[in-house]
Amino acid sequence: MNKIMMCDDHVMVMDTIGDLLRKENFEVIATTLSGEACIKAIDSGLIPDVLILDINMPEMPGYKVAQHFKKHYPNVKILVFSMITDENAVKAMIRIGVNGFAFKNLPASELAEIIRKIISGQEYYPPEFIFSTEEIASIKQQKFPWAEQLTKKEIQAAQLLANDLSRKQVASDMGISASSINKKLERIFKKTNQNTTIGIIRFLRKVGIIK
């Protein structure tokens, strides 16, 4: 029986999907509500065959969770299951090395079949994005600094700005100087290829890094 781990901060989604997968003869070995809890679970010895992973979660976005799994547990298949439908998000996850990406508007009856395809060695991506084999190979060679290189502190700063705090308030909340927050923002500008604070917030929300 194939083992499934789920990482999603929506309890009702996990309950519904978990019941479906059990009926399809999968074993759900763990359900976690955050990226850090997911990593803690697998590091404790709960090794799934497939991780069903959301993107927009507290503490750590799904991109960072996927990176951890691919680095330390490369044999675990990853299916991203998310409300995030932005093409940048799909491409970044392909680059990181996930085995599939499905939107949450997918009929639940199709999910089990997608998981079986992934277990068999196939890849699955939304039909809205028809990537050729050559395109996927090219995407895997691209760099997505906002998904791969943003630090936890940089994400925290961006989230605080998205919560309508001023730079001065963000610096105070994080316990750092105004000059330090300005340096962090300069790095975020560069990694996201944005020129304004509003641009950063809009982009990072669109790809699910912040809420």
Protein backbone atom coordinates (compact mmCIF):
# COMPACT_ATOMS: atom_id res chain seq x y z
CA MET A 1 0.00 0.00 0.00
CA ASN A 2 1.45 3.35 -1.06
CA LYS A 3 2.06 5.84 1.75
CA ILE A 4 0.83 9.42 1.49
CA MET A 5 1.78 12.49 3.54
CA MET A 6 -0.23 15.71 3.24
CA CYS A 7 0.93 19.24 4.01
CA ASP A 8 -1.85 21.83 3.87
CA ASP A 9 -3.10 24.40 6.37
CA HIS A 10 -6.72 23.78 5.35
CA VAL A 11 -7.95 21.01 7.65
CA MET A 12 -11.16 20.41 5.72
CA VAL A 13 -9.21 19.89 2.49
CA MET A 14 -6.96 17.33 4.13
CA ASP A 15 -9.90 15.54 5.74
CA THR A 16 -11.76 15.31 2.43
CA ILE A 17 -8.74 14.24 0.41
CA GLY A 18 -7.61 11.85 3.13
CA ASP A 19 -10.98 10.06 3.12
CA LEU A 20 -10.88 9.81 -0.67
CA LEU A 21 -7.37 8.39 -0.74
CA ARG A 22 -8.12 5.80 1.93
CA LYS A 23 -11.05 4.59 -0.17
CA GLU A 24 -8.61 4.29 -3.06
CA ASN A 25 -6.34 2.04 -0.94
CA PHE A 26 -3.67 4.58 -0.10
CA GLU A 27 -2.26 4.81 3.42
CA VAL A 28 -2.26 8.37 4.79
CA ILE A 29 0.63 8.29 7.28
CA ALA A 30 0.64 11.98 8.28
CA THR A 31 -1.26 15.24 7.83
CA THR A 32 0.59 18.45 8.71
CA LEU A 33 -0.60 22.05 8.87
CA SER A 34 2.67 23.86 8.10
CA GLY A 35 5.89 23.43 6.18
CA GLU A 36 7.98 23.16 9.33
CA ALA A 37 5.66 20.49 10.77
CA CYS A 38 5.90 18.57 7.49
CA ILE A 39 9.70 18.59 7.56
CA LYS A 40 9.71 17.61 11.23
CA ALA A 41 7.44 14.65 10.47
CA ILE A 42 9.62 13.24 7.71
CA ASP A 43 12.82 13.91 9.65
CA SER A 44 11.31 11.88 12.50
CA GLY A 45 11.11 8.84 10.24
CA LEU A 46 7.69 9.09 8.57
CA ILE A 47 8.78 8.55 4.97
CA PRO A 48 5.94 8.69 2.41
CA ASP A 49 5.92 7.52 -1.17
CA VAL A 50 4.11 10.72 -2.15
CA LEU A 51 3.87 14.13 -0.49
CA ILE A 52 0.77 16.16 -1.37
CA LEU A 53 1.92 19.73 -0.83
CA ASP A 54 0.19 23.11 -0.73
CA ILE A 55 2.14 26.30 -1.53
CA ASN A 56 0.70 29.10 0.58
CA MET A 57 1.18 28.05 4.20
CA PRO A 58 2.27 29.56 7.53
CA GLU A 59 5.93 29.58 8.60
CA MET A 60 7.32 28.23 5.33
CA PRO A 61 6.01 28.27 1.73
CA GLY A 62 5.71 25.03 -0.21
CA TYR A 63 8.71 25.93 -2.37
CA LYS A 64 11.02 25.61 0.64
CA VAL A 65 9.39 22.33 1.71
CA ALA A 66 9.83 20.91 -1.79
CA GLN A 67 13.49 21.97 -1.83
CA HIS A 68 14.10 20.21 1.50
CA PHE A 69 12.49 17.00 0.29
CA LYS A 70 14.34 16.98 -3.02
CA LYS A 71 17.66 17.56 -1.27
CA HIS A 72 17.26 15.12 1.61
CA TYR A 73 14.58 12.65 0.40
CA PRO A 74 14.91 12.58 -3.40
CA ASN A 75 12.96 9.33 -3.72
CA VAL A 76 9.78 10.88 -2.30
CA LYS A 77 7.42 11.94 -5.09
CA ILE A 78 5.86 15.39 -4.68
CA LEU A 79 2.45 16.46 -5.97
CA VAL A 80 1.74 20.16 -5.49
CA PHE A 81 -1.99 20.61 -4.82
CA SER A 82 -2.80 24.29 -4.63
CA MET A 83 -5.21 27.15 -5.28
CA ILE A 84 -2.24 29.05 -6.76
CA THR A 85 -2.70 29.00 -10.54
CA ASP A 86 0.06 31.37 -11.61
CA GLU A 87 2.35 30.07 -14.35
CA ASN A 88 5.43 31.35 -12.48
CA ALA A 89 4.51 29.09 -9.56
CA VAL A 90 4.11 26.04 -11.79
CA LYS A 91 7.43 26.68 -13.51
CA ALA A 92 9.28 27.28 -10.24
CA MET A 93 8.03 23.97 -8.85
CA ILE A 94 9.09 22.19 -12.06
CA ARG A 95 12.54 23.75 -11.60
CA ILE A 96 12.68 22.54 -7.99
CA GLY A 97 11.87 19.05 -9.21
CA VAL A 98 8.33 18.19 -8.14
CA ASN A 99 6.63 15.33 -9.96
CA GLY A 100 3.28 16.97 -10.45
CA PHE A 101 1.23 20.12 -9.99
CA ALA A 102 -2.58 20.06 -9.74
CA PHE A 103 -5.02 22.87 -9.02
CA LYS A 104 -7.55 22.45 -6.21
CA ASN A 105 -10.45 22.93 -8.61
CA LEU A 106 -9.58 19.48 -9.92
CA PRO A 107 -12.40 16.94 -9.42
CA ALA A 108 -11.50 14.85 -6.38
CA SER A 109 -12.10 11.67 -8.37
CA GLU A 110 -9.11 12.50 -10.59
CA LEU A 111 -6.61 12.99 -7.78
CA ALA A 112 -6.04 9.30 -7.04
CA GLU A 113 -5.33 8.62 -10.72
CA ILE A 114 -2.80 11.46 -10.84
CA ILE A 115 -1.06 10.07 -7.77
CA ARG A 116 -0.85 6.63 -9.40
CA LYS A 117 0.68 8.19 -12.52
CA ILE A 118 3.29 9.95 -10.41
CA ILE A 119 4.13 6.77 -8.50
CA SER A 120 4.59 4.97 -11.83
CA GLY A 121 7.20 7.53 -12.85
CA GLN A 122 5.09 9.90 -14.95
CA GLU A 123 4.75 13.63 -14.41
CA TYR A 124 1.52 15.63 -14.26
CA TYR A 125 1.00 19.34 -14.87
CA PRO A 126 -2.24 21.31 -15.31
CA PRO A 127 -3.75 20.95 -18.79
CA GLU A 128 -3.97 24.76 -18.84
CA PHE A 129 -0.19 24.70 -19.29
CA ILE A 130 0.84 22.41 -22.13
CA PHE A 131 4.60 22.01 -21.71
CA SER A 132 6.55 19.98 -24.24
CA THR A 133 9.38 17.72 -23.11
CA GLU A 134 11.81 20.32 -24.42
CA GLU A 135 10.07 23.14 -22.54
CA ILE A 136 10.17 21.21 -19.27
CA ALA A 137 13.87 20.52 -19.76
CA SER A 138 14.42 24.25 -20.37
CA ILE A 139 12.38 25.27 -17.31
CA LYS A 140 14.47 22.97 -15.14
CA GLN A 141 17.56 24.92 -16.20
CA GLN A 142 16.07 28.34 -15.38
CA LYS A 143 16.60 30.14 -12.10
CA PHE A 144 13.74 31.37 -9.90
CA PRO A 145 15.47 33.36 -7.12
CA TRP A 146 12.16 34.33 -5.45
CA ALA A 147 11.32 30.63 -4.97
CA GLU A 148 14.78 29.25 -4.31
CA GLN A 149 16.71 32.01 -2.57
CA LEU A 150 14.37 34.17 -0.48
CA THR A 151 15.33 33.76 3.16
CA LYS A 152 12.91 33.25 6.04
CA LYS A 153 13.65 36.78 7.27
CA GLU A 154 13.06 38.28 3.83
CA ILE A 155 9.73 36.49 3.57
CA GLN A 156 8.83 37.72 7.06
CA ALA A 157 9.65 41.29 6.07
CA ALA A 158 7.55 41.04 2.92
CA GLN A 159 4.61 39.62 4.87
CA LEU A 160 4.77 42.45 7.40
CA LEU A 161 4.78 44.99 4.58
CA ALA A 162 1.77 43.21 3.10
CA ASN A 163 0.08 43.67 6.49
CA ASP A 164 0.31 47.45 5.93
CA LEU A 165 3.26 48.08 8.25
CA SER A 166 5.72 50.83 7.32
CA ARG A 167 9.39 50.05 6.85
CA LYS A 168 10.07 51.58 10.26
CA GLN A 169 7.38 49.40 11.86
CA VAL A 170 8.71 46.29 10.10
CA ALA A 171 12.22 47.00 11.38
CA SER A 172 10.88 47.46 14.92
CA ASP A 173 8.76 44.31 14.74
CA MET A 174 11.73 42.26 13.52
CA GLY A 175 14.12 43.83 16.00
CA ILE A 176 16.52 45.14 13.38
CA SER A 177 17.67 48.60 12.26
CA ALA A 178 16.08 50.69 9.53
CA SER A 179 19.20 50.28 7.39
CA SER A 180 18.98 46.49 7.76
CA ILE A 181 15.37 46.41 6.58
CA ASN A 182 16.29 48.58 3.62
CA LYS A 183 19.05 46.12 2.68
CA LYS A 184 16.61 43.21 2.96
CA LEU A 185 14.17 45.00 0.69
CA GLU A 186 16.88 45.67 -1.88
CA ARG A 187 17.60 41.92 -1.95
CA ILE A 188 13.89 41.16 -2.31
CA PHE A 189 13.61 43.66 -5.19
CA LYS A 190 16.44 41.88 -6.97
CA LYS A 191 15.16 38.33 -6.36
CA THR A 192 11.61 39.16 -7.44
CA ASN A 193 12.59 41.48 -10.29
CA GLN A 194 10.24 44.12 -8.91
CA ASN A 195 10.86 47.85 -8.50
CA THR A 196 8.35 48.88 -5.83
CA THR A 197 7.11 47.60 -2.50
CA ILE A 198 3.61 47.26 -3.95
CA GLY A 199 5.09 45.23 -6.80
CA ILE A 200 6.81 42.89 -4.35
CA ILE A 201 3.61 42.35 -2.38
CA ARG A 202 1.48 41.71 -5.47
CA PHE A 203 3.99 39.28 -6.97
CA LEU A 204 4.67 37.31 -3.80
CA ARG A 205 0.95 36.99 -3.10
CA LYS A 206 0.31 35.83 -6.65
CA VAL A 207 2.84 32.99 -6.37
CA GLY A 208 1.86 32.07 -2.80
CA ILE A 209 4.96 33.13 -0.87
CA ILE A 210 2.95 35.46 1.38
CA LYS A 211 -0.74 35.80 2.21
